[in-house]
């Protein structure tokens, strides 16, 4: 995933939306729902680690995300559209 994000030609291609629900909201007897929840949780944690690692790189490193604008108007509209 990090390689894809590093190679994406535009910031719009780096945007995605991962649905989130609380583990307590899952049906207690639904193993498939729990498995899906745990899988998405692992993806969310991986994304957080990748962002952290890229922000910790020296600014001169080719994969550093330091100085990138992650709050652009396009980013906000992409997330807002995904939640509808």
PDB file of N, CA and C in Angstrom:
ATOM      1  N   UNK A   1       0.818  -1.186   0.000  1.00  0.00           N
ATOM      2  CA  UNK A   1       0.000   0.000   0.000  1.00  0.00           C
ATOM      3  C   UNK A   1       0.865   1.254   0.000  1.00  0.00           C
ATOM      4  N   UNK A   2       1.968   1.206   0.748  1.00  0.00           N
ATOM      5  CA  UNK A   2       2.824   2.388   0.809  1.00  0.00           C
ATOM      6  C   UNK A   2       3.399   2.694  -0.565  1.00  0.00           C
ATOM      7  N   UNK A   3       3.788   1.649  -1.289  1.00  0.00           N
ATOM      8  CA  UNK A   3       4.328   1.852  -2.626  1.00  0.00           C
ATOM      9  C   UNK A   3       3.313   2.480  -3.553  1.00  0.00           C
ATOM     10  N   UNK A   4       2.073   2.063  -3.469  1.00  0.00           N
ATOM     11  CA  UNK A   4       1.022   2.657  -4.301  1.00  0.00           C
ATOM     12  C   UNK A   4       0.815   4.121  -3.954  1.00  0.00           C
ATOM     13  N   UNK A   5       0.818   4.436  -2.660  1.00  0.00           N
ATOM     14  CA  UNK A   5       0.642   5.830  -2.247  1.00  0.00           C
ATOM     15  C   UNK A   5       1.825   6.682  -2.694  1.00  0.00           C
ATOM     16  N   UNK A   6       3.025   6.127  -2.595  1.00  0.00           N
ATOM     17  CA  UNK A   6       4.217   6.876  -3.012  1.00  0.00           C
ATOM     18  C   UNK A   6       4.191   7.177  -4.501  1.00  0.00           C
ATOM     19  N   UNK A   7       3.657   6.252  -5.286  1.00  0.00           N
ATOM     20  CA  UNK A   7       3.683   6.379  -6.743  1.00  0.00           C
ATOM     21  C   UNK A   7       2.447   7.040  -7.328  1.00  0.00           C
ATOM     22  N   UNK A   8       1.452   7.331  -6.517  1.00  0.00           N
ATOM     23  CA  UNK A   8       0.217   7.942  -7.024  1.00  0.00           C
ATOM     24  C   UNK A   8       0.531   9.318  -7.611  1.00  0.00           C
ATOM     25  N   UNK A   9       0.110   9.571  -8.863  1.00  0.00           N
ATOM     26  CA  UNK A   9       0.446  10.843  -9.512  1.00  0.00           C
ATOM     27  C   UNK A   9      -0.305  12.045  -8.955  1.00  0.00           C
ATOM     28  N   UNK A  10      -1.437  11.832  -8.297  1.00  0.00           N
ATOM     29  CA  UNK A  10      -2.197  12.951  -7.732  1.00  0.00           C
ATOM     30  C   UNK A  10      -2.661  12.594  -6.325  1.00  0.00           C
ATOM     31  N   UNK A  11      -2.913  13.613  -5.522  1.00  0.00           N
ATOM     32  CA  UNK A  11      -3.376  13.354  -4.156  1.00  0.00           C
ATOM     33  C   UNK A  11      -4.761  12.708  -4.147  1.00  0.00           C
ATOM     34  N   UNK A  12      -5.572  12.960  -5.171  1.00  0.00           N
ATOM     35  CA  UNK A  12      -6.905  12.367  -5.248  1.00  0.00           C
ATOM     36  C   UNK A  12      -6.864  10.847  -5.304  1.00  0.00           C
ATOM     37  N   UNK A  13      -5.803  10.302  -5.886  1.00  0.00           N
ATOM     38  CA  UNK A  13      -5.679   8.848  -5.970  1.00  0.00           C
ATOM     39  C   UNK A  13      -5.229   8.236  -4.653  1.00  0.00           C
ATOM     40  N   UNK A  14      -4.774   9.050  -3.720  1.00  0.00           N
ATOM     41  CA  UNK A  14      -4.355   8.560  -2.413  1.00  0.00           C
ATOM     42  C   UNK A  14      -5.501   8.543  -1.423  1.00  0.00           C
ATOM     43  N   UNK A  15      -6.642   9.111  -1.787  1.00  0.00           N
ATOM     44  CA  UNK A  15      -7.769   9.204  -0.864  1.00  0.00           C
ATOM     45  C   UNK A  15      -8.593   7.921  -0.891  1.00  0.00           C
ATOM     46  N   UNK A  16      -9.060   7.530   0.272  1.00  0.00           N
ATOM     47  CA  UNK A  16      -9.973   6.407   0.384  1.00  0.00           C
ATOM     48  C   UNK A  16     -10.789   6.588   1.662  1.00  0.00           C
ATOM     49  N   UNK A  17     -11.800   5.815   1.803  1.00  0.00           N
ATOM     50  CA  UNK A  17     -12.631   5.886   3.003  1.00  0.00           C
ATOM     51  C   UNK A  17     -12.808   4.473   3.535  1.00  0.00           C
ATOM     52  N   UNK A  18     -12.452   4.277   4.783  1.00  0.00           N
ATOM     53  CA  UNK A  18     -12.636   2.985   5.423  1.00  0.00           C
ATOM     54  C   UNK A  18     -13.732   3.125   6.461  1.00  0.00           C
ATOM     55  N   UNK A  19     -14.843   2.417   6.305  1.00  0.00           N
ATOM     56  CA  UNK A  19     -15.928   2.535   7.271  1.00  0.00           C
ATOM     57  C   UNK A  19     -15.471   2.071   8.652  1.00  0.00           C
ATOM     58  N   UNK A  20     -16.021   2.680   9.655  1.00  0.00           N
ATOM     59  CA  UNK A  20     -15.631   2.336  11.026  1.00  0.00           C
ATOM     60  C   UNK A  20     -16.880   2.166  11.880  1.00  0.00           C
ATOM     61  N   UNK A  21     -16.890   1.100  12.640  1.00  0.00           N
ATOM     62  CA  UNK A  21     -17.949   0.903  13.621  1.00  0.00           C
ATOM     63  C   UNK A  21     -17.287   0.388  14.896  1.00  0.00           C
ATOM     64  N   UNK A  22     -17.933   0.596  15.996  1.00  0.00           N
ATOM     65  CA  UNK A  22     -17.389   0.133  17.274  1.00  0.00           C
ATOM     66  C   UNK A  22     -17.577  -1.375  17.402  1.00  0.00           C
ATOM     67  N   UNK A  23     -16.611  -2.016  18.005  1.00  0.00           N
ATOM     68  CA  UNK A  23     -16.703  -3.458  18.198  1.00  0.00           C
ATOM     69  C   UNK A  23     -17.935  -3.819  19.020  1.00  0.00           C
ATOM     70  N   UNK A  24     -18.316  -2.959  19.935  1.00  0.00           N
ATOM     71  CA  UNK A  24     -19.486  -3.212  20.784  1.00  0.00           C
ATOM     72  C   UNK A  24     -20.789  -3.217  19.975  1.00  0.00           C
ATOM     73  N   UNK A  25     -20.783  -2.597  18.783  1.00  0.00           N
ATOM     74  CA  UNK A  25     -21.984  -2.556  17.951  1.00  0.00           C
ATOM     75  C   UNK A  25     -22.204  -3.837  17.149  1.00  0.00           C
ATOM     76  N   UNK A  26     -21.248  -4.743  17.163  1.00  0.00           N
ATOM     77  CA  UNK A  26     -21.371  -5.985  16.392  1.00  0.00           C
ATOM     78  C   UNK A  26     -22.319  -6.960  17.088  1.00  0.00           C
ATOM     79  N   UNK A  27     -23.054  -7.748  16.287  1.00  0.00           N
ATOM     80  CA  UNK A  27     -23.883  -8.804  16.897  1.00  0.00           C
ATOM     81  C   UNK A  27     -22.967  -9.804  17.620  1.00  0.00           C
ATOM     82  N   UNK A  28     -23.345 -10.238  18.790  1.00  0.00           N
ATOM     83  CA  UNK A  28     -22.469 -11.100  19.602  1.00  0.00           C
ATOM     84  C   UNK A  28     -22.252 -12.481  19.002  1.00  0.00           C
ATOM     85  N   UNK A  29     -23.186 -12.966  18.203  1.00  0.00           N
ATOM     86  CA  UNK A  29     -23.072 -14.323  17.674  1.00  0.00           C
ATOM     87  C   UNK A  29     -22.733 -14.360  16.184  1.00  0.00           C
ATOM     88  N   UNK A  30     -22.214 -13.284  15.628  1.00  0.00           N
ATOM     89  CA  UNK A  30     -21.934 -13.217  14.194  1.00  0.00           C
ATOM     90  C   UNK A  30     -20.424 -13.221  13.952  1.00  0.00           C
ATOM     91  N   UNK A  31     -19.884 -14.431  13.748  1.00  0.00           N
ATOM     92  CA  UNK A  31     -18.442 -14.588  13.552  1.00  0.00           C
ATOM     93  C   UNK A  31     -17.968 -13.883  12.280  1.00  0.00           C
ATOM     94  N   UNK A  32     -18.784 -13.887  11.235  1.00  0.00           N
ATOM     95  CA  UNK A  32     -18.401 -13.238   9.981  1.00  0.00           C
ATOM     96  C   UNK A  32     -18.297 -11.717  10.157  1.00  0.00           C
ATOM     97  N   UNK A  33     -19.233 -11.131  10.886  1.00  0.00           N
ATOM     98  CA  UNK A  33     -19.175  -9.684  11.146  1.00  0.00           C
ATOM     99  C   UNK A  33     -17.944  -9.340  11.978  1.00  0.00           C
ATOM    100  N   UNK A  34     -17.630 -10.169  12.966  1.00  0.00           N
ATOM    101  CA  UNK A  34     -16.435  -9.927  13.787  1.00  0.00           C
ATOM    102  C   UNK A  34     -15.177 -10.047  12.952  1.00  0.00           C
ATOM    103  N   UNK A  35     -15.111 -11.042  12.095  1.00  0.00           N
ATOM    104  CA  UNK A  35     -13.944 -11.211  11.215  1.00  0.00           C
ATOM    105  C   UNK A  35     -13.780  -9.983  10.311  1.00  0.00           C
ATOM    106  N   UNK A  36     -14.872  -9.493   9.741  1.00  0.00           N
ATOM    107  CA  UNK A  36     -14.823  -8.298   8.901  1.00  0.00           C
ATOM    108  C   UNK A  36     -14.361  -7.080   9.677  1.00  0.00           C
ATOM    109  N   UNK A  37     -14.855  -6.947  10.899  1.00  0.00           N
ATOM    110  CA  UNK A  37     -14.450  -5.828  11.755  1.00  0.00           C
ATOM    111  C   UNK A  37     -12.951  -5.898  12.025  1.00  0.00           C
ATOM    112  N   UNK A  38     -12.460  -7.082  12.402  1.00  0.00           N
ATOM    113  CA  UNK A  38     -11.036  -7.223  12.713  1.00  0.00           C
ATOM    114  C   UNK A  38     -10.163  -6.979  11.486  1.00  0.00           C
ATOM    115  N   UNK A  39     -10.629  -7.408  10.328  1.00  0.00           N
ATOM    116  CA  UNK A  39      -9.863  -7.183   9.096  1.00  0.00           C
ATOM    117  C   UNK A  39      -9.763  -5.692   8.784  1.00  0.00           C
ATOM    118  N   UNK A  40     -10.873  -4.962   8.888  1.00  0.00           N
ATOM    119  CA  UNK A  40     -10.841  -3.520   8.637  1.00  0.00           C
ATOM    120  C   UNK A  40     -10.036  -2.782   9.699  1.00  0.00           C
ATOM    121  N   UNK A  41     -10.082  -3.266  10.934  1.00  0.00           N
ATOM    122  CA  UNK A  41      -9.275  -2.649  11.985  1.00  0.00           C
ATOM    123  C   UNK A  41      -7.791  -2.790  11.659  1.00  0.00           C
ATOM    124  N   UNK A  42      -7.399  -3.946  11.163  1.00  0.00           N
ATOM    125  CA  UNK A  42      -5.999  -4.156  10.782  1.00  0.00           C
ATOM    126  C   UNK A  42      -5.600  -3.227   9.637  1.00  0.00           C
ATOM    127  N   UNK A  43      -6.498  -3.029   8.687  1.00  0.00           N
ATOM    128  CA  UNK A  43      -6.216  -2.101   7.589  1.00  0.00           C
ATOM    129  C   UNK A  43      -6.056  -0.687   8.135  1.00  0.00           C
ATOM    130  N   UNK A  44      -6.960  -0.257   9.008  1.00  0.00           N
ATOM    131  CA  UNK A  44      -6.860   1.088   9.595  1.00  0.00           C
ATOM    132  C   UNK A  44      -5.545   1.268  10.342  1.00  0.00           C
ATOM    133  N   UNK A  45      -5.149   0.264  11.119  1.00  0.00           N
ATOM    134  CA  UNK A  45      -3.891   0.358  11.867  1.00  0.00           C
ATOM    135  C   UNK A  45      -2.692   0.403  10.918  1.00  0.00           C
ATOM    136  N   UNK A  46      -2.753  -0.344   9.841  1.00  0.00           N
ATOM    137  CA  UNK A  46      -1.672  -0.325   8.844  1.00  0.00           C
ATOM    138  C   UNK A  46      -1.565   1.043   8.201  1.00  0.00           C
ATOM    139  N   UNK A  47      -2.695   1.633   7.851  1.00  0.00           N
ATOM    140  CA  UNK A  47      -2.693   2.971   7.250  1.00  0.00           C
ATOM    141  C   UNK A  47      -2.088   3.985   8.218  1.00  0.00           C
ATOM    142  N   UNK A  48      -2.458   3.906   9.479  1.00  0.00           N
ATOM    143  CA  UNK A  48      -1.909   4.825  10.479  1.00  0.00           C
ATOM    144  C   UNK A  48      -0.396   4.647  10.592  1.00  0.00           C
ATOM    145  N   UNK A  49       0.076   3.396  10.619  1.00  0.00           N
ATOM    146  CA  UNK A  49       1.524   3.157  10.692  1.00  0.00           C
ATOM    147  C   UNK A  49       2.236   3.706   9.469  1.00  0.00           C
ATOM    148  N   UNK A  50       1.647   3.518   8.284  1.00  0.00           N
ATOM    149  CA  UNK A  50       2.272   4.020   7.058  1.00  0.00           C
ATOM    150  C   UNK A  50       2.363   5.544   7.059  1.00  0.00           C
ATOM    151  N   UNK A  51       1.298   6.187   7.482  1.00  0.00           N
ATOM    152  CA  UNK A  51       1.317   7.656   7.556  1.00  0.00           C
ATOM    153  C   UNK A  51       2.389   8.098   8.545  1.00  0.00           C
ATOM    154  N   UNK A  52       2.401   7.476   9.710  1.00  0.00           N
ATOM    155  CA  UNK A  52       3.408   7.821  10.723  1.00  0.00           C
ATOM    156  C   UNK A  52       4.826   7.646  10.169  1.00  0.00           C
ATOM    157  N   UNK A  53       5.073   6.512   9.541  1.00  0.00           N
ATOM    158  CA  UNK A  53       6.412   6.243   9.025  1.00  0.00           C
ATOM    159  C   UNK A  53       6.824   7.234   7.945  1.00  0.00           C
ATOM    160  N   UNK A  54       5.898   7.598   7.066  1.00  0.00           N
ATOM    161  CA  UNK A  54       6.220   8.549   5.998  1.00  0.00           C
ATOM    162  C   UNK A  54       6.441   9.960   6.541  1.00  0.00           C
ATOM    163  N   UNK A  55       5.730  10.319   7.591  1.00  0.00           N
ATOM    164  CA  UNK A  55       5.919  11.645   8.186  1.00  0.00           C
ATOM    165  C   UNK A  55       7.200  11.729   9.013  1.00  0.00           C
ATOM    166  N   UNK A  56       7.701  10.603   9.468  1.00  0.00           N
ATOM    167  CA  UNK A  56       8.939  10.586  10.257  1.00  0.00           C
ATOM    168  C   UNK A  56      10.192  10.621   9.380  1.00  0.00           C
ATOM    169  N   UNK A  57      10.064  10.339   8.097  1.00  0.00           N
ATOM    170  CA  UNK A  57      11.226  10.365   7.204  1.00  0.00           C
ATOM    171  C   UNK A  57      11.755  11.786   7.076  1.00  0.00           C
ATOM    172  N   UNK A  58      13.057  11.903   6.860  1.00  0.00           N
ATOM    173  CA  UNK A  58      13.646  13.211   6.596  1.00  0.00           C
ATOM    174  C   UNK A  58      12.962  13.828   5.380  1.00  0.00           C
ATOM    175  N   UNK A  59      12.793  15.141   5.401  1.00  0.00           N
ATOM    176  CA  UNK A  59      12.079  15.840   4.321  1.00  0.00           C
ATOM    177  C   UNK A  59      12.711  15.577   2.953  1.00  0.00           C
ATOM    178  N   UNK A  60      14.014  15.317   2.916  1.00  0.00           N
ATOM    179  CA  UNK A  60      14.710  15.093   1.644  1.00  0.00           C
ATOM    180  C   UNK A  60      14.501  13.677   1.089  1.00  0.00           C
ATOM    181  N   UNK A  61      14.003  12.775   1.908  1.00  0.00           N
ATOM    182  CA  UNK A  61      13.800  11.391   1.471  1.00  0.00           C
ATOM    183  C   UNK A  61      12.721  11.362   0.392  1.00  0.00           C
ATOM    184  N   UNK A  62      12.899  10.572  -0.678  1.00  0.00           N
ATOM    185  CA  UNK A  62      11.917  10.569  -1.779  1.00  0.00           C
ATOM    186  C   UNK A  62      10.513  10.115  -1.388  1.00  0.00           C
ATOM    187  N   UNK A  63      10.384   9.379  -0.288  1.00  0.00           N
ATOM    188  CA  UNK A  63       9.058   8.912   0.136  1.00  0.00           C
ATOM    189  C   UNK A  63       8.493   9.698   1.310  1.00  0.00           C
ATOM    190  N   UNK A  64       9.181  10.766   1.710  1.00  0.00           N
ATOM    191  CA  UNK A  64       8.700  11.586   2.810  1.00  0.00           C
ATOM    192  C   UNK A  64       7.425  12.314   2.402  1.00  0.00           C
ATOM    193  N   UNK A  65       6.495  12.409   3.345  1.00  0.00           N
ATOM    194  CA  UNK A  65       5.265  13.155   3.098  1.00  0.00           C
ATOM    195  C   UNK A  65       5.298  14.504   3.811  1.00  0.00           C
ATOM    196  N   UNK A  66       6.424  14.860   4.388  1.00  0.00           N
ATOM    197  CA  UNK A  66       6.544  16.146   5.047  1.00  0.00           C
ATOM    198  C   UNK A  66       6.343  17.265   4.028  1.00  0.00           C
ATOM    199  N   UNK A  67       5.576  18.261   4.403  1.00  0.00           N
ATOM    200  CA  UNK A  67       5.335  19.394   3.524  1.00  0.00           C
ATOM    201  C   UNK A  67       4.177  19.188   2.561  1.00  0.00           C
ATOM    202  N   UNK A  68       3.566  18.011   2.531  1.00  0.00           N
ATOM    203  CA  UNK A  68       2.406  17.767   1.667  1.00  0.00           C
ATOM    204  C   UNK A  68       1.148  18.285   2.352  1.00  0.00           C
ATOM    205  N   UNK A  69       0.263  18.867   1.583  1.00  0.00           N
ATOM    206  CA  UNK A  69      -0.973  19.410   2.132  1.00  0.00           C
ATOM    207  C   UNK A  69      -2.039  18.329   2.148  1.00  0.00           C
ATOM    208  N   UNK A  70      -2.279  17.753   3.316  1.00  0.00           N
ATOM    209  CA  UNK A  70      -3.290  16.696   3.427  1.00  0.00           C
ATOM    210  C   UNK A  70      -4.654  17.269   3.782  1.00  0.00           C
ATOM    211  N   UNK A  71      -4.763  18.592   3.859  1.00  0.00           N
ATOM    212  CA  UNK A  71      -6.037  19.217   4.217  1.00  0.00           C
ATOM    213  C   UNK A  71      -6.624  19.994   3.051  1.00  0.00           C
ATOM    214  N   UNK A  72      -6.228  19.641   1.836  1.00  0.00           N
ATOM    215  CA  UNK A  72      -6.725  20.382   0.679  1.00  0.00           C
ATOM    216  C   UNK A  72      -8.237  20.254   0.563  1.00  0.00           C
ATOM    217  N   UNK A  73      -8.862  21.200  -0.101  1.00  0.00           N
ATOM    218  CA  UNK A  73     -10.318  21.206  -0.265  1.00  0.00           C
ATOM    219  C   UNK A  73     -10.792  19.940  -0.948  1.00  0.00           C
ATOM    220  N   UNK A  74     -10.030  19.449  -1.913  1.00  0.00           N
ATOM    221  CA  UNK A  74     -10.412  18.228  -2.611  1.00  0.00           C
ATOM    222  C   UNK A  74     -10.486  17.047  -1.644  1.00  0.00           C
ATOM    223  N   UNK A  75      -9.546  16.954  -0.722  1.00  0.00           N
ATOM    224  CA  UNK A  75      -9.563  15.855   0.246  1.00  0.00           C
ATOM    225  C   UNK A  75     -10.835  15.873   1.070  1.00  0.00           C
ATOM    226  N   UNK A  76     -11.245  17.050   1.541  1.00  0.00           N
ATOM    227  CA  UNK A  76     -12.467  17.147   2.348  1.00  0.00           C
ATOM    228  C   UNK A  76     -13.697  16.771   1.538  1.00  0.00           C
ATOM    229  N   UNK A  77     -13.783  17.202   0.293  1.00  0.00           N
ATOM    230  CA  UNK A  77     -14.970  16.891  -0.504  1.00  0.00           C
ATOM    231  C   UNK A  77     -15.022  15.417  -0.854  1.00  0.00           C
ATOM    232  N   UNK A  78     -13.856  14.756  -1.020  1.00  0.00           N
ATOM    233  CA  UNK A  78     -13.840  13.322  -1.314  1.00  0.00           C
ATOM    234  C   UNK A  78     -14.389  12.535  -0.135  1.00  0.00           C
ATOM    235  N   UNK A  79     -13.959  12.867   1.069  1.00  0.00           N
ATOM    236  CA  UNK A  79     -14.431  12.164   2.258  1.00  0.00           C
ATOM    237  C   UNK A  79     -15.912  12.430   2.460  1.00  0.00           C
ATOM    238  N   UNK A  80     -16.354  13.664   2.306  1.00  0.00           N
ATOM    239  CA  UNK A  80     -17.763  14.004   2.502  1.00  0.00           C
ATOM    240  C   UNK A  80     -18.642  13.244   1.515  1.00  0.00           C
ATOM    241  N   UNK A  81     -18.201  13.132   0.266  1.00  0.00           N
ATOM    242  CA  UNK A  81     -18.973  12.408  -0.739  1.00  0.00           C
ATOM    243  C   UNK A  81     -19.045  10.936  -0.401  1.00  0.00           C
ATOM    244  N   UNK A  82     -17.952  10.369   0.105  1.00  0.00           N
ATOM    245  CA  UNK A  82     -17.907   8.941   0.414  1.00  0.00           C
ATOM    246  C   UNK A  82     -18.851   8.563   1.546  1.00  0.00           C
ATOM    247  N   UNK A  83     -19.146   9.510   2.432  1.00  0.00           N
ATOM    248  CA  UNK A  83     -19.985   9.194   3.590  1.00  0.00           C
ATOM    249  C   UNK A  83     -21.469   9.280   3.285  1.00  0.00           C
ATOM    250  N   UNK A  84     -21.853   9.759   2.137  1.00  0.00           N
ATOM    251  CA  UNK A  84     -23.292   9.898   1.823  1.00  0.00           C
ATOM    252  C   UNK A  84     -23.914   8.582   1.457  1.00  0.00           C
TER     253      UNK A  84
END
